[in-house]
N, C-alpha and C. Protein backbone atom coordinates (compact mmCIF):
# COMPACT_ATOMS: atom_id res chain seq x y z
N MET A 1 33.23 28.06 -76.72
CA MET A 1 32.15 27.18 -76.27
C MET A 1 31.21 27.96 -75.35
N ILE A 2 29.96 27.82 -75.57
CA ILE A 2 28.95 28.51 -74.77
C ILE A 2 28.67 27.67 -73.52
N GLY A 3 28.71 28.31 -72.36
CA GLY A 3 28.47 27.60 -71.11
C GLY A 3 27.01 27.25 -70.90
N LEU A 4 26.77 26.21 -70.16
CA LEU A 4 25.40 25.78 -69.87
C LEU A 4 24.63 26.84 -69.08
N ALA A 5 25.34 27.55 -68.20
CA ALA A 5 24.66 28.59 -67.41
C ALA A 5 24.14 29.69 -68.32
N TRP A 6 24.91 30.07 -69.32
CA TRP A 6 24.48 31.11 -70.25
C TRP A 6 23.24 30.66 -71.01
N ILE A 7 23.24 29.43 -71.48
CA ILE A 7 22.10 28.89 -72.21
C ILE A 7 20.86 28.85 -71.31
N LYS A 8 21.03 28.38 -70.07
CA LYS A 8 19.90 28.29 -69.15
C LYS A 8 19.34 29.68 -68.85
N ARG A 9 20.20 30.65 -68.67
CA ARG A 9 19.76 32.01 -68.38
C ARG A 9 18.92 32.56 -69.55
N ARG A 10 19.34 32.28 -70.77
CA ARG A 10 18.59 32.75 -71.94
C ARG A 10 17.26 32.02 -72.09
N LEU A 11 17.25 30.73 -71.85
CA LEU A 11 16.01 29.95 -71.96
C LEU A 11 14.98 30.39 -70.94
N CYS A 12 15.44 30.77 -69.74
CA CYS A 12 14.50 31.17 -68.68
C CYS A 12 13.71 32.41 -69.05
N ARG A 13 14.18 33.18 -70.00
CA ARG A 13 13.43 34.36 -70.44
C ARG A 13 12.20 33.97 -71.25
N HIS A 14 12.21 32.78 -71.85
CA HIS A 14 11.16 32.40 -72.78
C HIS A 14 10.38 31.15 -72.37
N MET A 15 10.83 30.46 -71.36
CA MET A 15 10.13 29.24 -70.97
C MET A 15 10.34 28.96 -69.49
N LEU A 16 9.50 28.13 -68.94
CA LEU A 16 9.59 27.73 -67.55
C LEU A 16 10.47 26.49 -67.45
N ILE A 17 11.52 26.61 -66.66
CA ILE A 17 12.40 25.47 -66.41
C ILE A 17 12.26 25.10 -64.94
N ILE A 18 11.92 23.86 -64.66
CA ILE A 18 11.79 23.40 -63.29
C ILE A 18 12.92 22.41 -63.02
N GLU A 19 13.74 22.74 -62.01
CA GLU A 19 14.83 21.86 -61.62
C GLU A 19 14.68 21.53 -60.15
N PHE A 20 15.25 20.41 -59.76
CA PHE A 20 15.20 19.98 -58.37
C PHE A 20 16.63 19.83 -57.85
N CYS A 21 16.83 20.26 -56.62
CA CYS A 21 18.15 20.21 -56.00
C CYS A 21 18.57 18.76 -55.81
N ARG A 22 19.77 18.45 -56.22
CA ARG A 22 20.23 17.07 -56.09
C ARG A 22 20.63 16.72 -54.67
N ASP A 23 20.78 17.71 -53.78
CA ASP A 23 21.09 17.41 -52.38
C ASP A 23 19.84 17.25 -51.53
N CYS A 24 18.92 18.21 -51.59
CA CYS A 24 17.76 18.16 -50.70
C CYS A 24 16.47 17.72 -51.41
N GLY A 25 16.48 17.75 -52.74
CA GLY A 25 15.31 17.31 -53.50
C GLY A 25 14.23 18.36 -53.68
N ARG A 26 14.40 19.54 -53.06
CA ARG A 26 13.40 20.59 -53.22
C ARG A 26 13.54 21.26 -54.58
N ARG A 27 12.47 21.91 -55.00
CA ARG A 27 12.49 22.65 -56.27
C ARG A 27 13.46 23.83 -56.15
N VAL A 28 14.28 24.02 -57.16
CA VAL A 28 15.18 25.17 -57.21
C VAL A 28 14.35 26.35 -57.66
N ARG A 29 14.13 27.29 -56.76
CA ARG A 29 13.20 28.38 -57.01
C ARG A 29 13.84 29.60 -57.63
N HIS A 30 15.16 29.69 -57.62
CA HIS A 30 15.83 30.88 -58.14
C HIS A 30 16.74 30.52 -59.30
N VAL A 31 16.82 31.40 -60.28
CA VAL A 31 17.76 31.24 -61.38
C VAL A 31 19.06 31.88 -60.91
N TRP A 32 20.11 31.11 -60.85
CA TRP A 32 21.39 31.64 -60.38
C TRP A 32 22.53 30.88 -61.04
N THR A 33 23.70 31.49 -61.02
CA THR A 33 24.90 30.85 -61.55
C THR A 33 26.04 31.10 -60.59
N ALA A 34 27.06 30.29 -60.71
CA ALA A 34 28.29 30.46 -59.94
C ALA A 34 29.45 30.39 -60.93
N PRO A 35 30.54 31.07 -60.64
CA PRO A 35 31.71 30.96 -61.51
C PRO A 35 32.16 29.50 -61.59
N ASP A 36 32.58 29.08 -62.77
CA ASP A 36 32.97 27.67 -62.97
C ASP A 36 33.98 27.16 -61.95
N PRO A 37 35.06 27.90 -61.64
CA PRO A 37 36.02 27.37 -60.66
C PRO A 37 35.40 27.10 -59.29
N LEU A 38 34.48 27.98 -58.85
CA LEU A 38 33.81 27.77 -57.57
C LEU A 38 32.89 26.56 -57.63
N TRP A 39 32.11 26.46 -58.70
CA TRP A 39 31.19 25.32 -58.85
C TRP A 39 31.97 24.00 -58.85
N ILE A 40 33.04 23.96 -59.60
CA ILE A 40 33.84 22.72 -59.68
C ILE A 40 34.46 22.39 -58.32
N ALA A 41 34.98 23.41 -57.63
CA ALA A 41 35.59 23.18 -56.32
C ALA A 41 34.60 22.60 -55.33
N LEU A 42 33.36 23.09 -55.34
CA LEU A 42 32.37 22.63 -54.38
C LEU A 42 31.67 21.34 -54.81
N ASN A 43 31.86 20.93 -56.05
CA ASN A 43 31.22 19.71 -56.56
C ASN A 43 32.24 18.67 -57.00
N LYS A 44 33.49 18.86 -56.62
CA LYS A 44 34.56 17.99 -57.10
C LYS A 44 34.30 16.51 -56.79
N SER A 45 33.87 16.21 -55.57
CA SER A 45 33.64 14.81 -55.22
C SER A 45 32.52 14.19 -56.05
N ASP A 46 31.49 14.99 -56.39
CA ASP A 46 30.41 14.48 -57.24
C ASP A 46 30.93 14.14 -58.63
N TYR A 47 31.79 15.01 -59.18
CA TYR A 47 32.33 14.79 -60.51
C TYR A 47 33.31 13.62 -60.53
N GLU A 48 34.03 13.40 -59.43
CA GLU A 48 34.95 12.27 -59.37
C GLU A 48 34.18 10.95 -59.40
N LYS A 49 33.01 10.93 -58.76
CA LYS A 49 32.17 9.73 -58.77
C LYS A 49 31.55 9.50 -60.14
N ASP A 50 31.09 10.58 -60.78
CA ASP A 50 30.43 10.49 -62.07
C ASP A 50 30.70 11.76 -62.87
N PRO A 51 31.61 11.74 -63.87
CA PRO A 51 31.96 12.94 -64.62
C PRO A 51 30.78 13.55 -65.38
N ASN A 52 29.73 12.80 -65.60
CA ASN A 52 28.55 13.31 -66.30
C ASN A 52 27.46 13.76 -65.33
N ASN A 53 27.84 13.95 -64.08
CA ASN A 53 26.87 14.31 -63.04
C ASN A 53 26.55 15.80 -63.11
N PHE A 54 25.59 16.14 -63.94
CA PHE A 54 25.12 17.51 -63.99
C PHE A 54 23.84 17.57 -63.18
N GLY A 55 23.69 18.59 -62.45
CA GLY A 55 22.47 18.73 -61.67
C GLY A 55 22.46 20.06 -60.98
N ALA A 56 21.30 20.46 -60.58
CA ALA A 56 21.13 21.76 -59.95
C ALA A 56 21.28 21.63 -58.45
N LEU A 57 21.63 22.74 -57.84
CA LEU A 57 21.64 22.86 -56.39
C LEU A 57 20.84 24.11 -56.04
N CYS A 58 20.07 24.02 -54.96
CA CYS A 58 19.37 25.21 -54.50
C CYS A 58 20.38 26.12 -53.81
N LEU A 59 19.99 27.36 -53.60
CA LEU A 59 20.89 28.31 -52.95
C LEU A 59 21.33 27.84 -51.57
N ASP A 60 20.39 27.28 -50.80
CA ASP A 60 20.71 26.84 -49.45
C ASP A 60 21.76 25.73 -49.45
N CYS A 61 21.60 24.75 -50.34
CA CYS A 61 22.54 23.62 -50.38
C CYS A 61 23.90 24.04 -50.92
N PHE A 62 23.91 24.93 -51.92
CA PHE A 62 25.18 25.42 -52.44
C PHE A 62 25.91 26.22 -51.36
N ASP A 63 25.17 27.04 -50.63
CA ASP A 63 25.76 27.82 -49.55
C ASP A 63 26.28 26.90 -48.45
N ALA A 64 25.54 25.84 -48.14
CA ALA A 64 26.00 24.88 -47.11
C ALA A 64 27.28 24.19 -47.55
N ARG A 65 27.37 23.81 -48.82
CA ARG A 65 28.60 23.20 -49.33
C ARG A 65 29.77 24.17 -49.21
N ALA A 66 29.52 25.43 -49.54
CA ALA A 66 30.58 26.45 -49.46
C ALA A 66 31.06 26.60 -48.01
N ARG A 67 30.13 26.67 -47.07
CA ARG A 67 30.50 26.83 -45.66
C ARG A 67 31.31 25.63 -45.17
N ARG A 68 30.91 24.42 -45.57
CA ARG A 68 31.68 23.23 -45.18
C ARG A 68 33.10 23.26 -45.73
N ALA A 69 33.26 23.91 -46.89
CA ALA A 69 34.57 24.03 -47.51
C ALA A 69 35.35 25.24 -46.98
N GLY A 70 34.74 26.00 -46.07
CA GLY A 70 35.41 27.15 -45.50
C GLY A 70 35.31 28.41 -46.35
N THR A 71 34.34 28.44 -47.26
CA THR A 71 34.14 29.60 -48.13
C THR A 71 32.85 30.30 -47.74
N ILE A 72 32.93 31.59 -47.53
CA ILE A 72 31.75 32.39 -47.22
C ILE A 72 31.31 33.08 -48.51
N LEU A 73 30.05 32.92 -48.87
CA LEU A 73 29.52 33.51 -50.10
C LEU A 73 28.73 34.78 -49.78
N ARG A 74 28.77 35.70 -50.70
CA ARG A 74 27.95 36.91 -50.63
C ARG A 74 27.03 36.87 -51.84
N TRP A 75 25.73 36.83 -51.60
CA TRP A 75 24.76 36.73 -52.69
C TRP A 75 24.34 38.14 -53.11
N ILE A 76 24.49 38.43 -54.39
CA ILE A 76 24.18 39.75 -54.91
C ILE A 76 23.15 39.61 -56.04
N PRO A 77 21.98 40.23 -55.89
CA PRO A 77 20.99 40.17 -56.98
C PRO A 77 21.52 40.89 -58.22
N GLU A 78 21.19 40.35 -59.38
CA GLU A 78 21.65 40.93 -60.64
C GLU A 78 20.53 40.80 -61.66
N VAL A 79 20.31 41.82 -62.43
CA VAL A 79 19.32 41.77 -63.49
C VAL A 79 19.92 41.03 -64.68
N ALA A 80 19.21 40.00 -65.15
CA ALA A 80 19.72 39.19 -66.26
C ALA A 80 19.38 39.80 -67.59
């Protein structure tokens, strides 16, 4: 099964995708992905409320969720 992050990364090469952060409402300005286990761990309560709750998070909000969970993230730029 092809992951949604992989599909989004490929689409961004050919089209403009505008997403808004579901926590703060600001436009998500960076294309980024997180490993599935980390994403699920930091979004578990959202998925428990609504299993179909797909949505983007900006880097700041994802980082804030990680810090609240006691996880420190290191952001590394990567060429897609």
